[in-house]
Amino acid sequence: MKKILLIILFIYLLGVFYLALPEPVVPNLPDSLKSTEPGDTWQIPGVWAYYTNLSRREAVDFYQQAFSKTHFLNLPLPVLRLNHPPEYAQELIRETQRFNFCEELVHPFRESLFVTGWVPSEDEVYLKKSKKPITEFLIEGDLYKTKVTLYHVQSPVWARILVWTGVVGLGSLLGLVTKTIIFSPWRKRK
């Protein structure tokens, strides 16, 4: 029993260490122009956007690589990559903005970074409906193929640790109950 409690304590402390690590710095997208349009700057906390010629894959891969390490001793962090329908980005970020991709980079129990974007030349619905569709963005005299919008969803450390404590506590309790149920028919009776 002591051995099991030590293993549970070790897992709990390892989880607390992971949850208390500082968040990775989300860098600027290389070779891109940061958007200064309303809604892309300070109006919605955690949201910013870039005009770029990078493809969807290049932009998401760049942020996945940057989001996979903390700046504390360059320790690796587990990253889950989730692909959502573009409509989800309109609900999450802004209804009036167009999106044709939405991917979420998740650190389990910690935070998420939504990498969303619009590539007008690849948006078939937009191209069919518009009489004069734009296929590139002309910003400050330069042409860009894609607008990438980021949304960083963060959680406070105390909330992470509180949830982790509940998960470990309930997991331990369920393990104990399961052990009791499985082994109770084979107990020796006095």
N, C-alpha and C. Protein backbone atom coordinates (compact mmCIF):
# COMPACT_ATOMS: atom_id res chain seq x y z
N MET A 1 0.82 -1.20 0.00
CA MET A 1 0.00 0.00 0.00
C MET A 1 0.86 1.27 0.00
N LYS A 2 1.98 1.22 0.77
CA LYS A 2 2.88 2.38 0.81
C LYS A 2 3.48 2.66 -0.57
N LYS A 3 3.80 1.58 -1.28
CA LYS A 3 4.40 1.72 -2.60
C LYS A 3 3.42 2.41 -3.56
N ILE A 4 2.17 2.03 -3.50
CA ILE A 4 1.15 2.63 -4.35
C ILE A 4 0.97 4.12 -4.01
N LEU A 5 0.95 4.44 -2.72
CA LEU A 5 0.81 5.85 -2.31
C LEU A 5 2.01 6.68 -2.78
N LEU A 6 3.21 6.11 -2.73
CA LEU A 6 4.40 6.82 -3.21
C LEU A 6 4.33 7.05 -4.72
N ILE A 7 3.83 6.06 -5.45
CA ILE A 7 3.68 6.23 -6.91
C ILE A 7 2.67 7.32 -7.22
N ILE A 8 1.54 7.31 -6.50
CA ILE A 8 0.51 8.35 -6.71
C ILE A 8 1.08 9.72 -6.36
N LEU A 9 1.81 9.83 -5.27
CA LEU A 9 2.41 11.10 -4.88
C LEU A 9 3.42 11.57 -5.93
N PHE A 10 4.23 10.66 -6.45
CA PHE A 10 5.19 11.01 -7.49
C PHE A 10 4.49 11.54 -8.74
N ILE A 11 3.44 10.84 -9.17
CA ILE A 11 2.67 11.27 -10.35
C ILE A 11 2.04 12.64 -10.09
N TYR A 12 1.51 12.84 -8.90
CA TYR A 12 0.89 14.12 -8.56
C TYR A 12 1.92 15.25 -8.61
N LEU A 13 3.07 15.05 -7.99
CA LEU A 13 4.10 16.09 -7.97
C LEU A 13 4.67 16.36 -9.36
N LEU A 14 4.82 15.32 -10.17
CA LEU A 14 5.27 15.50 -11.54
C LEU A 14 4.26 16.33 -12.33
N GLY A 15 2.98 16.06 -12.11
CA GLY A 15 1.93 16.84 -12.76
C GLY A 15 1.92 18.29 -12.31
N VAL A 16 2.13 18.53 -11.01
CA VAL A 16 2.17 19.91 -10.50
C VAL A 16 3.35 20.66 -11.12
N PHE A 17 4.50 19.98 -11.25
CA PHE A 17 5.66 20.60 -11.88
C PHE A 17 5.35 20.99 -13.33
N TYR A 18 4.73 20.07 -14.06
CA TYR A 18 4.35 20.33 -15.46
C TYR A 18 3.37 21.50 -15.55
N LEU A 19 2.39 21.54 -14.65
CA LEU A 19 1.38 22.60 -14.69
C LEU A 19 1.93 23.96 -14.28
N ALA A 20 2.98 23.97 -13.45
CA ALA A 20 3.54 25.23 -12.97
C ALA A 20 4.62 25.79 -13.89
N LEU A 21 5.04 25.03 -14.91
CA LEU A 21 6.05 25.53 -15.84
C LEU A 21 5.54 26.80 -16.52
N PRO A 22 6.43 27.76 -16.80
CA PRO A 22 5.97 28.97 -17.50
C PRO A 22 5.50 28.65 -18.91
N GLU A 23 4.57 29.45 -19.37
CA GLU A 23 4.01 29.24 -20.71
C GLU A 23 5.05 29.55 -21.78
N PRO A 24 4.99 28.85 -22.90
CA PRO A 24 5.93 29.16 -23.97
C PRO A 24 5.61 30.52 -24.58
N VAL A 25 6.64 31.18 -25.05
CA VAL A 25 6.46 32.47 -25.71
C VAL A 25 5.94 32.21 -27.12
N VAL A 26 4.87 32.89 -27.50
CA VAL A 26 4.31 32.74 -28.84
C VAL A 26 4.97 33.80 -29.72
N PRO A 27 5.86 33.38 -30.62
CA PRO A 27 6.61 34.36 -31.42
C PRO A 27 5.78 34.92 -32.57
N ASN A 28 6.31 35.99 -33.15
CA ASN A 28 5.70 36.55 -34.35
C ASN A 28 5.93 35.60 -35.52
N LEU A 29 4.98 35.55 -36.43
CA LEU A 29 5.10 34.71 -37.62
C LEU A 29 6.18 35.31 -38.52
N PRO A 30 7.19 34.52 -38.93
CA PRO A 30 8.29 35.07 -39.74
C PRO A 30 7.83 35.49 -41.13
N ASP A 31 8.50 36.50 -41.66
CA ASP A 31 8.22 37.02 -43.01
C ASP A 31 6.75 37.41 -43.16
N SER A 32 6.19 38.01 -42.13
CA SER A 32 4.78 38.38 -42.13
C SER A 32 4.61 39.80 -41.62
N LEU A 33 3.44 40.35 -41.88
CA LEU A 33 3.10 41.70 -41.41
C LEU A 33 2.02 41.56 -40.35
N LYS A 34 2.28 42.11 -39.16
CA LYS A 34 1.30 42.05 -38.09
C LYS A 34 0.14 43.00 -38.41
N SER A 35 -1.07 42.48 -38.29
CA SER A 35 -2.27 43.25 -38.62
C SER A 35 -2.53 44.32 -37.57
N THR A 36 -2.94 45.49 -38.05
CA THR A 36 -3.33 46.59 -37.16
C THR A 36 -4.82 46.91 -37.30
N GLU A 37 -5.56 46.00 -37.93
CA GLU A 37 -7.00 46.22 -38.10
C GLU A 37 -7.73 46.09 -36.77
N PRO A 38 -8.85 46.79 -36.61
CA PRO A 38 -9.64 46.65 -35.38
C PRO A 38 -10.05 45.19 -35.18
N GLY A 39 -9.89 44.72 -33.95
CA GLY A 39 -10.21 43.34 -33.62
C GLY A 39 -9.01 42.43 -33.69
N ASP A 40 -7.95 42.88 -34.35
CA ASP A 40 -6.73 42.07 -34.45
C ASP A 40 -5.66 42.53 -33.47
N THR A 41 -5.95 43.55 -32.69
CA THR A 41 -4.93 44.07 -31.78
C THR A 41 -5.38 43.90 -30.34
N TRP A 42 -5.78 44.96 -29.69
CA TRP A 42 -6.09 44.91 -28.26
C TRP A 42 -7.57 44.72 -27.95
N GLN A 43 -8.44 44.81 -28.93
CA GLN A 43 -9.89 44.78 -28.66
C GLN A 43 -10.35 43.44 -28.08
N ILE A 44 -9.78 42.36 -28.55
CA ILE A 44 -10.12 41.04 -28.03
C ILE A 44 -8.86 40.48 -27.39
N PRO A 45 -8.83 40.35 -26.06
CA PRO A 45 -7.61 39.87 -25.40
C PRO A 45 -7.20 38.48 -25.89
N GLY A 46 -5.92 38.33 -26.16
CA GLY A 46 -5.38 37.04 -26.60
C GLY A 46 -5.47 36.81 -28.09
N VAL A 47 -5.98 37.79 -28.86
CA VAL A 47 -6.14 37.64 -30.31
C VAL A 47 -5.20 38.59 -31.03
N TRP A 48 -4.48 38.07 -32.02
CA TRP A 48 -3.68 38.91 -32.91
C TRP A 48 -3.58 38.20 -34.25
N ALA A 49 -3.22 38.96 -35.30
CA ALA A 49 -3.26 38.39 -36.64
C ALA A 49 -2.06 38.86 -37.47
N TYR A 50 -1.79 38.09 -38.53
CA TYR A 50 -0.68 38.39 -39.44
C TYR A 50 -1.14 38.18 -40.88
N TYR A 51 -0.59 38.99 -41.76
CA TYR A 51 -0.70 38.76 -43.19
C TYR A 51 0.59 38.09 -43.62
N THR A 52 0.47 37.01 -44.39
CA THR A 52 1.65 36.23 -44.73
C THR A 52 1.49 35.54 -46.07
N ASN A 53 2.59 35.06 -46.61
CA ASN A 53 2.58 34.23 -47.81
C ASN A 53 2.85 32.77 -47.48
N LEU A 54 2.92 32.45 -46.19
CA LEU A 54 3.11 31.07 -45.78
C LEU A 54 1.81 30.29 -45.99
N SER A 55 1.95 29.01 -46.25
CA SER A 55 0.76 28.17 -46.40
C SER A 55 0.22 27.83 -45.01
N ARG A 56 -0.96 27.23 -45.01
CA ARG A 56 -1.58 26.80 -43.74
C ARG A 56 -0.64 25.86 -43.00
N ARG A 57 -0.11 24.87 -43.69
CA ARG A 57 0.76 23.88 -43.05
C ARG A 57 2.01 24.55 -42.46
N GLU A 58 2.62 25.46 -43.21
CA GLU A 58 3.83 26.13 -42.72
C GLU A 58 3.54 26.96 -41.47
N ALA A 59 2.43 27.68 -41.48
CA ALA A 59 2.08 28.52 -40.33
C ALA A 59 1.78 27.67 -39.09
N VAL A 60 0.97 26.62 -39.26
CA VAL A 60 0.62 25.79 -38.11
C VAL A 60 1.84 25.02 -37.60
N ASP A 61 2.66 24.51 -38.51
CA ASP A 61 3.88 23.80 -38.09
C ASP A 61 4.83 24.73 -37.34
N PHE A 62 4.94 25.98 -37.78
CA PHE A 62 5.80 26.94 -37.08
C PHE A 62 5.32 27.14 -35.64
N TYR A 63 4.02 27.33 -35.46
CA TYR A 63 3.51 27.54 -34.10
C TYR A 63 3.53 26.27 -33.27
N GLN A 64 3.36 25.12 -33.90
CA GLN A 64 3.46 23.87 -33.14
C GLN A 64 4.87 23.69 -32.60
N GLN A 65 5.86 23.99 -33.42
CA GLN A 65 7.25 23.87 -32.97
C GLN A 65 7.54 24.87 -31.85
N ALA A 66 7.08 26.11 -32.00
CA ALA A 66 7.32 27.13 -30.98
C ALA A 66 6.56 26.84 -29.69
N PHE A 67 5.40 26.23 -29.81
CA PHE A 67 4.52 25.97 -28.67
C PHE A 67 4.90 24.68 -27.94
N SER A 68 5.85 23.91 -28.48
CA SER A 68 6.18 22.62 -27.90
C SER A 68 7.30 22.68 -26.87
N LYS A 69 7.84 23.84 -26.61
CA LYS A 69 8.91 23.96 -25.60
C LYS A 69 8.66 25.18 -24.72
N THR A 70 8.92 25.00 -23.43
CA THR A 70 8.83 26.11 -22.51
C THR A 70 10.18 26.82 -22.49
N HIS A 71 10.20 28.10 -22.18
CA HIS A 71 11.49 28.80 -22.16
C HIS A 71 12.27 28.54 -20.88
N PHE A 72 11.71 27.74 -19.95
CA PHE A 72 12.42 27.33 -18.74
C PHE A 72 13.22 26.08 -19.06
N LEU A 73 14.51 26.20 -19.20
CA LEU A 73 15.43 25.10 -19.52
C LEU A 73 15.08 24.41 -20.84
N ASN A 74 14.28 25.07 -21.67
CA ASN A 74 13.90 24.54 -22.98
C ASN A 74 13.26 23.14 -22.87
N LEU A 75 12.50 22.94 -21.80
CA LEU A 75 11.86 21.64 -21.56
C LEU A 75 10.74 21.41 -22.57
N PRO A 76 10.62 20.17 -23.08
CA PRO A 76 9.54 19.89 -24.03
C PRO A 76 8.18 19.80 -23.33
N LEU A 77 7.15 20.21 -24.04
CA LEU A 77 5.78 20.11 -23.55
C LEU A 77 4.97 19.26 -24.52
N PRO A 78 4.07 18.43 -24.01
CA PRO A 78 3.23 17.65 -24.94
C PRO A 78 2.24 18.58 -25.65
N VAL A 79 2.12 18.40 -26.95
CA VAL A 79 1.21 19.23 -27.74
C VAL A 79 0.27 18.32 -28.52
N LEU A 80 -1.02 18.53 -28.33
CA LEU A 80 -2.04 17.85 -29.14
C LEU A 80 -2.47 18.81 -30.24
N ARG A 81 -2.58 18.30 -31.45
CA ARG A 81 -3.00 19.13 -32.58
C ARG A 81 -4.40 18.70 -33.00
N LEU A 82 -5.36 19.59 -32.83
CA LEU A 82 -6.75 19.30 -33.15
C LEU A 82 -7.19 20.13 -34.34
N ASN A 83 -7.91 19.51 -35.24
CA ASN A 83 -8.41 20.20 -36.42
C ASN A 83 -9.91 20.43 -36.24
N HIS A 84 -10.33 21.69 -36.26
CA HIS A 84 -11.74 22.04 -36.08
C HIS A 84 -12.32 22.56 -37.39
N PRO A 85 -13.64 22.50 -37.53
CA PRO A 85 -14.25 23.12 -38.70
C PRO A 85 -14.09 24.65 -38.61
N PRO A 86 -13.97 25.34 -39.75
CA PRO A 86 -13.75 26.79 -39.72
C PRO A 86 -14.87 27.56 -39.02
N GLU A 87 -16.07 27.02 -39.03
CA GLU A 87 -17.19 27.70 -38.36
C GLU A 87 -16.93 27.86 -36.86
N TYR A 88 -16.17 26.94 -36.31
CA TYR A 88 -15.84 27.01 -34.88
C TYR A 88 -15.04 28.28 -34.58
N ALA A 89 -14.16 28.68 -35.49
CA ALA A 89 -13.36 29.89 -35.30
C ALA A 89 -14.25 31.13 -35.29
N GLN A 90 -15.31 31.12 -36.12
CA GLN A 90 -16.22 32.27 -36.13
C GLN A 90 -16.96 32.38 -34.80
N GLU A 91 -17.33 31.26 -34.20
CA GLU A 91 -17.98 31.28 -32.89
C GLU A 91 -17.00 31.70 -31.80
N LEU A 92 -15.77 31.25 -31.91
CA LEU A 92 -14.77 31.45 -30.88
C LEU A 92 -14.15 32.85 -30.91
N ILE A 93 -13.81 33.32 -32.09
CA ILE A 93 -13.06 34.57 -32.20
C ILE A 93 -13.96 35.74 -32.61
N ARG A 94 -14.47 35.67 -33.84
CA ARG A 94 -15.25 36.80 -34.35
C ARG A 94 -16.19 36.31 -35.44
N GLU A 95 -17.46 36.64 -35.32
CA GLU A 95 -18.46 36.18 -36.29
C GLU A 95 -18.29 36.81 -37.66
N THR A 96 -17.80 38.03 -37.70
CA THR A 96 -17.75 38.78 -38.95
C THR A 96 -16.52 38.48 -39.79
N GLN A 97 -15.60 37.71 -39.28
CA GLN A 97 -14.37 37.42 -40.02
C GLN A 97 -14.49 36.07 -40.72
N ARG A 98 -13.90 35.98 -41.90
CA ARG A 98 -13.90 34.73 -42.65
C ARG A 98 -12.73 33.85 -42.23
N PHE A 99 -12.99 32.55 -42.19
CA PHE A 99 -11.95 31.56 -41.89
C PHE A 99 -12.17 30.36 -42.81
N ASN A 100 -11.08 29.75 -43.26
CA ASN A 100 -11.26 28.46 -43.93
C ASN A 100 -10.36 27.39 -43.34
N PHE A 101 -9.72 27.68 -42.20
CA PHE A 101 -9.10 26.63 -41.40
C PHE A 101 -9.02 27.07 -39.95
N CYS A 102 -9.07 26.07 -39.07
CA CYS A 102 -8.98 26.33 -37.63
C CYS A 102 -8.34 25.11 -36.97
N GLU A 103 -7.14 25.30 -36.47
CA GLU A 103 -6.44 24.22 -35.77
C GLU A 103 -6.12 24.70 -34.36
N GLU A 104 -6.17 23.76 -33.43
CA GLU A 104 -5.91 24.08 -32.02
C GLU A 104 -4.71 23.28 -31.55
N LEU A 105 -3.75 23.98 -30.95
CA LEU A 105 -2.60 23.35 -30.34
C LEU A 105 -2.84 23.37 -28.83
N VAL A 106 -2.89 22.19 -28.23
CA VAL A 106 -3.30 22.08 -26.83
C VAL A 106 -2.18 21.51 -25.98
N HIS A 107 -1.92 22.16 -24.85
CA HIS A 107 -1.13 21.56 -23.78
C HIS A 107 -2.15 21.02 -22.79
N PRO A 108 -2.26 19.69 -22.67
CA PRO A 108 -3.30 19.14 -21.78
C PRO A 108 -3.23 19.72 -20.36
N PHE A 109 -4.37 20.11 -19.85
CA PHE A 109 -4.55 20.69 -18.52
C PHE A 109 -3.93 22.09 -18.39
N ARG A 110 -3.45 22.70 -19.48
CA ARG A 110 -2.76 23.99 -19.37
C ARG A 110 -3.43 25.07 -20.21
N GLU A 111 -3.10 25.12 -21.49
CA GLU A 111 -3.58 26.20 -22.35
C GLU A 111 -3.72 25.71 -23.78
N SER A 112 -4.30 26.57 -24.62
CA SER A 112 -4.48 26.27 -26.04
C SER A 112 -4.08 27.46 -26.88
N LEU A 113 -3.63 27.17 -28.07
CA LEU A 113 -3.36 28.21 -29.07
C LEU A 113 -4.13 27.83 -30.32
N PHE A 114 -5.11 28.66 -30.68
CA PHE A 114 -5.88 28.43 -31.90
C PHE A 114 -5.17 29.16 -33.04
N VAL A 115 -4.84 28.41 -34.09
CA VAL A 115 -4.23 28.98 -35.28
C VAL A 115 -5.28 28.89 -36.37
N THR A 116 -5.86 30.03 -36.71
CA THR A 116 -6.93 30.07 -37.70
C THR A 116 -6.49 30.95 -38.86
N GLY A 117 -7.15 30.80 -39.98
CA GLY A 117 -6.76 31.64 -41.10
C GLY A 117 -7.73 31.60 -42.24
N TRP A 118 -7.48 32.53 -43.14
CA TRP A 118 -8.28 32.62 -44.35
C TRP A 118 -7.36 32.77 -45.54
N VAL A 119 -7.50 31.84 -46.48
CA VAL A 119 -6.79 31.89 -47.74
C VAL A 119 -7.88 32.08 -48.80
N PRO A 120 -8.13 33.33 -49.23
CA PRO A 120 -9.27 33.59 -50.12
C PRO A 120 -9.23 32.78 -51.41
N SER A 121 -8.04 32.52 -51.94
CA SER A 121 -7.94 31.78 -53.20
C SER A 121 -8.33 30.31 -53.04
N GLU A 122 -8.40 29.81 -51.81
CA GLU A 122 -8.78 28.41 -51.56
C GLU A 122 -10.20 28.27 -51.00
N ASP A 123 -10.88 29.40 -50.78
CA ASP A 123 -12.24 29.37 -50.21
C ASP A 123 -13.25 29.27 -51.36
N GLU A 124 -13.66 28.04 -51.67
CA GLU A 124 -14.53 27.80 -52.82
C GLU A 124 -15.89 28.47 -52.68
N VAL A 125 -16.45 28.46 -51.48
CA VAL A 125 -17.77 29.08 -51.25
C VAL A 125 -17.68 30.59 -51.50
N TYR A 126 -16.65 31.21 -50.97
CA TYR A 126 -16.45 32.65 -51.16
C TYR A 126 -16.26 32.98 -52.63
N LEU A 127 -15.45 32.19 -53.33
CA LEU A 127 -15.17 32.47 -54.75
C LEU A 127 -16.43 32.33 -55.60
N LYS A 128 -17.31 31.37 -55.27
CA LYS A 128 -18.55 31.18 -56.04
C LYS A 128 -19.56 32.29 -55.78
N LYS A 129 -19.64 32.74 -54.53
CA LYS A 129 -20.67 33.73 -54.17
C LYS A 129 -20.30 35.16 -54.55
N SER A 130 -19.02 35.49 -54.58
CA SER A 130 -18.59 36.87 -54.83
C SER A 130 -18.53 37.17 -56.31
N LYS A 131 -18.99 38.40 -56.65
CA LYS A 131 -18.91 38.84 -58.04
C LYS A 131 -17.48 39.23 -58.41
N LYS A 132 -16.80 39.90 -57.48
CA LYS A 132 -15.40 40.29 -57.69
C LYS A 132 -14.60 39.83 -56.47
N PRO A 133 -14.29 38.54 -56.41
CA PRO A 133 -13.58 38.05 -55.22
C PRO A 133 -12.13 38.52 -55.18
N ILE A 134 -11.67 38.79 -53.96
CA ILE A 134 -10.25 39.08 -53.79
C ILE A 134 -9.55 37.75 -53.57
N THR A 135 -8.37 37.60 -54.12
CA THR A 135 -7.61 36.37 -53.91
C THR A 135 -6.32 36.64 -53.16
N GLU A 136 -6.01 37.91 -52.95
CA GLU A 136 -4.82 38.29 -52.19
C GLU A 136 -5.14 39.56 -51.41
N PHE A 137 -4.36 39.80 -50.37
CA PHE A 137 -4.52 41.00 -49.55
C PHE A 137 -3.44 42.00 -49.95
N LEU A 138 -3.84 43.23 -50.28
CA LEU A 138 -2.89 44.29 -50.58
C LEU A 138 -2.78 45.17 -49.34
N ILE A 139 -1.68 45.03 -48.61
CA ILE A 139 -1.48 45.76 -47.36
C ILE A 139 -0.14 46.48 -47.46
N GLU A 140 -0.20 47.80 -47.31
CA GLU A 140 0.99 48.65 -47.34
C GLU A 140 1.86 48.39 -48.57
N GLY A 141 1.20 48.18 -49.72
CA GLY A 141 1.92 48.00 -50.97
C GLY A 141 2.43 46.60 -51.23
N ASP A 142 2.23 45.68 -50.32
CA ASP A 142 2.68 44.30 -50.50
C ASP A 142 1.47 43.37 -50.62
N LEU A 143 1.63 42.30 -51.41
CA LEU A 143 0.57 41.31 -51.57
C LEU A 143 0.82 40.12 -50.65
N TYR A 144 -0.24 39.67 -49.99
CA TYR A 144 -0.18 38.51 -49.10
C TYR A 144 -1.29 37.55 -49.47
N LYS A 145 -1.01 36.24 -49.39
CA LYS A 145 -1.99 35.22 -49.76
C LYS A 145 -2.89 34.81 -48.59
N THR A 146 -2.41 34.97 -47.36
CA THR A 146 -3.11 34.40 -46.21
C THR A 146 -3.18 35.40 -45.07
N LYS A 147 -4.29 35.35 -44.34
CA LYS A 147 -4.38 36.07 -43.08
C LYS A 147 -4.51 35.02 -41.99
N VAL A 148 -3.53 34.97 -41.08
CA VAL A 148 -3.51 34.01 -39.98
C VAL A 148 -3.87 34.75 -38.70
N THR A 149 -4.88 34.25 -38.00
CA THR A 149 -5.32 34.84 -36.74
C THR A 149 -5.05 33.85 -35.62
N LEU A 150 -4.44 34.34 -34.55
CA LEU A 150 -4.11 33.51 -33.39
C LEU A 150 -4.99 33.89 -32.22
N TYR A 151 -5.36 32.89 -31.44
CA TYR A 151 -6.12 33.12 -30.22
C TYR A 151 -5.51 32.25 -29.14
N HIS A 152 -4.91 32.87 -28.15
CA HIS A 152 -4.23 32.17 -27.06
C HIS A 152 -5.16 32.12 -25.85
N VAL A 153 -5.59 30.92 -25.48
CA VAL A 153 -6.48 30.71 -24.33
C VAL A 153 -5.63 30.21 -23.18
N GLN A 154 -5.58 30.98 -22.11
CA GLN A 154 -4.73 30.65 -20.96
C GLN A 154 -5.59 30.35 -19.74
N SER A 155 -4.99 29.66 -18.78
CA SER A 155 -5.67 29.39 -17.52
C SER A 155 -4.71 29.70 -16.38
N PRO A 156 -5.24 30.16 -15.24
CA PRO A 156 -4.35 30.45 -14.11
C PRO A 156 -3.77 29.16 -13.51
N VAL A 157 -2.57 29.26 -12.96
CA VAL A 157 -1.88 28.09 -12.40
C VAL A 157 -2.71 27.45 -11.29
N TRP A 158 -3.35 28.26 -10.44
CA TRP A 158 -4.12 27.69 -9.34
C TRP A 158 -5.27 26.82 -9.86
N ALA A 159 -5.88 27.22 -10.98
CA ALA A 159 -6.99 26.43 -11.53
C ALA A 159 -6.48 25.11 -12.11
N ARG A 160 -5.32 25.16 -12.76
CA ARG A 160 -4.72 23.94 -13.31
C ARG A 160 -4.45 22.93 -12.20
N ILE A 161 -3.83 23.43 -11.11
CA ILE A 161 -3.46 22.54 -10.00
C ILE A 161 -4.71 22.01 -9.29
N LEU A 162 -5.73 22.84 -9.18
CA LEU A 162 -6.98 22.40 -8.56
C LEU A 162 -7.62 21.27 -9.38
N VAL A 163 -7.66 21.43 -10.69
CA VAL A 163 -8.22 20.38 -11.55
C VAL A 163 -7.36 19.12 -11.48
N TRP A 164 -6.03 19.27 -11.50
CA TRP A 164 -5.12 18.13 -11.42
C TRP A 164 -5.30 17.37 -10.10
N THR A 165 -5.47 18.12 -9.01
CA THR A 165 -5.70 17.49 -7.71
C THR A 165 -6.98 16.66 -7.74
N GLY A 166 -8.03 17.20 -8.34
CA GLY A 166 -9.28 16.46 -8.47
C GLY A 166 -9.13 15.21 -9.33
N VAL A 167 -8.39 15.33 -10.43
CA VAL A 167 -8.19 14.18 -11.32
C VAL A 167 -7.41 13.08 -10.60
N VAL A 168 -6.32 13.43 -9.93
CA VAL A 168 -5.51 12.43 -9.23
C VAL A 168 -6.31 11.83 -8.06
N GLY A 169 -7.03 12.68 -7.32
CA GLY A 169 -7.82 12.19 -6.19
C GLY A 169 -8.91 11.24 -6.63
N LEU A 170 -9.68 11.64 -7.64
CA LEU A 170 -10.76 10.77 -8.13
C LEU A 170 -10.21 9.52 -8.81
N GLY A 171 -9.10 9.66 -9.54
CA GLY A 171 -8.47 8.49 -10.16
C GLY A 171 -8.01 7.48 -9.13
N SER A 172 -7.41 7.98 -8.04
CA SER A 172 -6.96 7.08 -6.97
C SER A 172 -8.15 6.40 -6.30
N LEU A 173 -9.21 7.16 -6.05
CA LEU A 173 -10.41 6.59 -5.43
C LEU A 173 -11.04 5.53 -6.33
N LEU A 174 -11.14 5.81 -7.64
CA LEU A 174 -11.70 4.83 -8.57
C LEU A 174 -10.82 3.58 -8.64
N GLY A 175 -9.50 3.75 -8.61
CA GLY A 175 -8.59 2.60 -8.60
C GLY A 175 -8.79 1.74 -7.37
N LEU A 176 -8.94 2.37 -6.22
CA LEU A 176 -9.16 1.64 -4.96
C LEU A 176 -10.48 0.88 -4.99
N VAL A 177 -11.53 1.53 -5.46
CA VAL A 177 -12.84 0.88 -5.54
C VAL A 177 -12.80 -0.28 -6.54
N THR A 178 -12.15 -0.07 -7.68
CA THR A 178 -12.03 -1.14 -8.68
C THR A 178 -11.26 -2.33 -8.12
N LYS A 179 -10.17 -2.06 -7.42
CA LYS A 179 -9.38 -3.13 -6.80
C LYS A 179 -10.25 -3.91 -5.81
N THR A 180 -11.02 -3.21 -5.01
CA THR A 180 -11.88 -3.86 -4.02
C THR A 180 -12.93 -4.73 -4.71
N ILE A 181 -13.52 -4.23 -5.76
CA ILE A 181 -14.56 -4.99 -6.47
C ILE A 181 -13.97 -6.22 -7.14
N ILE A 182 -12.83 -6.08 -7.77
CA ILE A 182 -12.23 -7.20 -8.50
C ILE A 182 -11.75 -8.29 -7.56
N PHE A 183 -11.09 -7.91 -6.47
CA PHE A 183 -10.49 -8.91 -5.60
C PHE A 183 -11.38 -9.38 -4.45
N SER A 184 -12.53 -8.76 -4.23
CA SER A 184 -13.38 -9.15 -3.10
C SER A 184 -13.94 -10.56 -3.19
N PRO A 185 -14.29 -11.10 -4.38
CA PRO A 185 -14.82 -12.48 -4.40
C PRO A 185 -13.78 -13.53 -4.02
N TRP A 186 -12.49 -13.22 -4.12
CA TRP A 186 -11.44 -14.21 -3.86
C TRP A 186 -10.83 -14.07 -2.49
N ARG A 187 -11.35 -13.20 -1.66
CA ARG A 187 -10.83 -13.07 -0.30
C ARG A 187 -11.15 -14.31 0.50
N LYS A 188 -10.23 -14.66 1.37
CA LYS A 188 -10.46 -15.79 2.24
C LYS A 188 -11.40 -15.37 3.35
N ARG A 189 -12.36 -16.20 3.60
CA ARG A 189 -13.31 -15.88 4.66
C ARG A 189 -12.93 -16.63 5.91
N LYS A 190 -13.04 -15.97 7.02
CA LYS A 190 -12.65 -16.59 8.30
C LYS A 190 -13.81 -17.31 8.92
